[in-house]
Amino acid sequence: MSLRLPEFLHQSAREIADRENISLNQLITLALAEKLAARGAEDYLEARARRASQAQFLAAMSKVAQVEPPEYDRL
């Protein structure tokens, strides 16, 4: 795969790769993997949100005990 980058981006990536002691190829591969993982998580959360139900939420919340939190867990 051939990739054309603006010079400033290439230089910044090179500096980070050098600092991380990895190749530029590894840095770009990791950055792409992180972006794809973030996008996958976003897609998953959006799909879960579409299935959300206020009635189910309220039913679940009604099962939570109405007690004061312990001292260590208070804001």
Protein backbone atom coordinates (compact mmCIF):
# COMPACT_ATOMS: atom_id res chain seq x y z
CA MET A 1 0.00 0.00 0.00
CA SER A 2 1.32 3.37 -0.94
CA LEU A 3 0.41 6.34 1.22
CA ARG A 4 0.96 10.01 0.55
CA LEU A 5 1.15 12.23 3.61
CA PRO A 6 1.65 15.97 3.93
CA GLU A 7 5.24 16.66 4.96
CA PHE A 8 4.30 18.08 8.39
CA LEU A 9 2.24 14.96 9.19
CA HIS A 10 4.99 12.63 7.99
CA GLN A 11 7.56 14.47 10.11
CA SER A 12 5.34 14.42 13.21
CA ALA A 13 4.66 10.71 12.75
CA ARG A 14 8.37 10.02 12.26
CA GLU A 15 9.20 11.87 15.51
CA ILE A 16 6.58 9.93 17.47
CA ALA A 17 7.75 6.61 15.99
CA ASP A 18 11.33 7.44 16.94
CA ARG A 19 10.26 8.40 20.48
CA GLU A 20 8.25 5.17 20.80
CA ASN A 21 11.16 3.20 19.35
CA ILE A 22 8.97 1.65 16.64
CA SER A 23 8.94 1.88 12.87
CA LEU A 24 6.83 4.42 11.06
CA ASN A 25 4.90 1.50 9.55
CA GLN A 26 4.13 0.15 13.04
CA LEU A 27 2.97 3.57 14.21
CA ILE A 28 0.62 3.98 11.26
CA THR A 29 -0.68 0.42 11.69
CA LEU A 30 -1.36 1.04 15.40
CA ALA A 31 -3.02 4.38 14.71
CA LEU A 32 -5.29 2.81 12.11
CA ALA A 33 -6.13 -0.10 14.44
CA GLU A 34 -7.02 2.35 17.22
CA LYS A 35 -9.26 4.34 14.90
CA LEU A 36 -11.02 1.22 13.64
CA ALA A 37 -11.53 -0.04 17.20
CA ALA A 38 -12.96 3.33 18.27
CA ARG A 39 -15.30 3.35 15.30
CA GLY A 40 -16.38 -0.21 16.07
CA ALA A 41 -17.13 0.75 19.67
CA GLU A 42 -19.10 3.76 18.48
CA ASP A 43 -21.14 1.60 16.10
CA TYR A 44 -21.79 -0.93 18.87
CA LEU A 45 -22.96 1.75 21.33
CA GLU A 46 -25.20 3.36 18.71
CA ALA A 47 -26.81 -0.03 17.99
CA ARG A 48 -27.34 -0.61 21.72
CA ALA A 49 -28.85 2.87 22.11
CA ARG A 50 -31.34 2.18 19.30
CA ARG A 51 -32.54 -0.89 21.22
CA ALA A 52 -32.91 1.09 24.45
CA SER A 53 -36.23 1.20 26.19
CA GLN A 54 -37.18 3.73 28.83
CA ALA A 55 -39.73 1.27 30.24
CA GLN A 56 -37.04 -1.42 30.69
CA PHE A 57 -34.70 1.13 32.26
CA LEU A 58 -37.33 2.25 34.73
CA ALA A 59 -38.21 -1.38 35.53
CA ALA A 60 -34.57 -2.14 36.28
CA MET A 61 -34.16 1.02 38.36
CA SER A 62 -37.24 0.14 40.41
CA LYS A 63 -35.34 -2.90 41.71
CA VAL A 64 -32.53 -0.77 43.15
CA ALA A 65 -32.75 -0.38 46.91
CA GLN A 66 -33.56 3.13 48.11
CA VAL A 67 -30.74 3.49 50.64
CA GLU A 68 -28.14 6.14 51.31
CA PRO A 69 -24.71 5.27 49.90
CA PRO A 70 -21.93 4.38 52.35
CA GLU A 71 -19.81 7.32 53.50
CA TYR A 72 -16.85 6.30 51.28
CA ASP A 73 -19.09 6.28 48.18
CA ARG A 74 -20.61 9.75 48.57
CA LEU A 75 -19.75 12.70 46.38
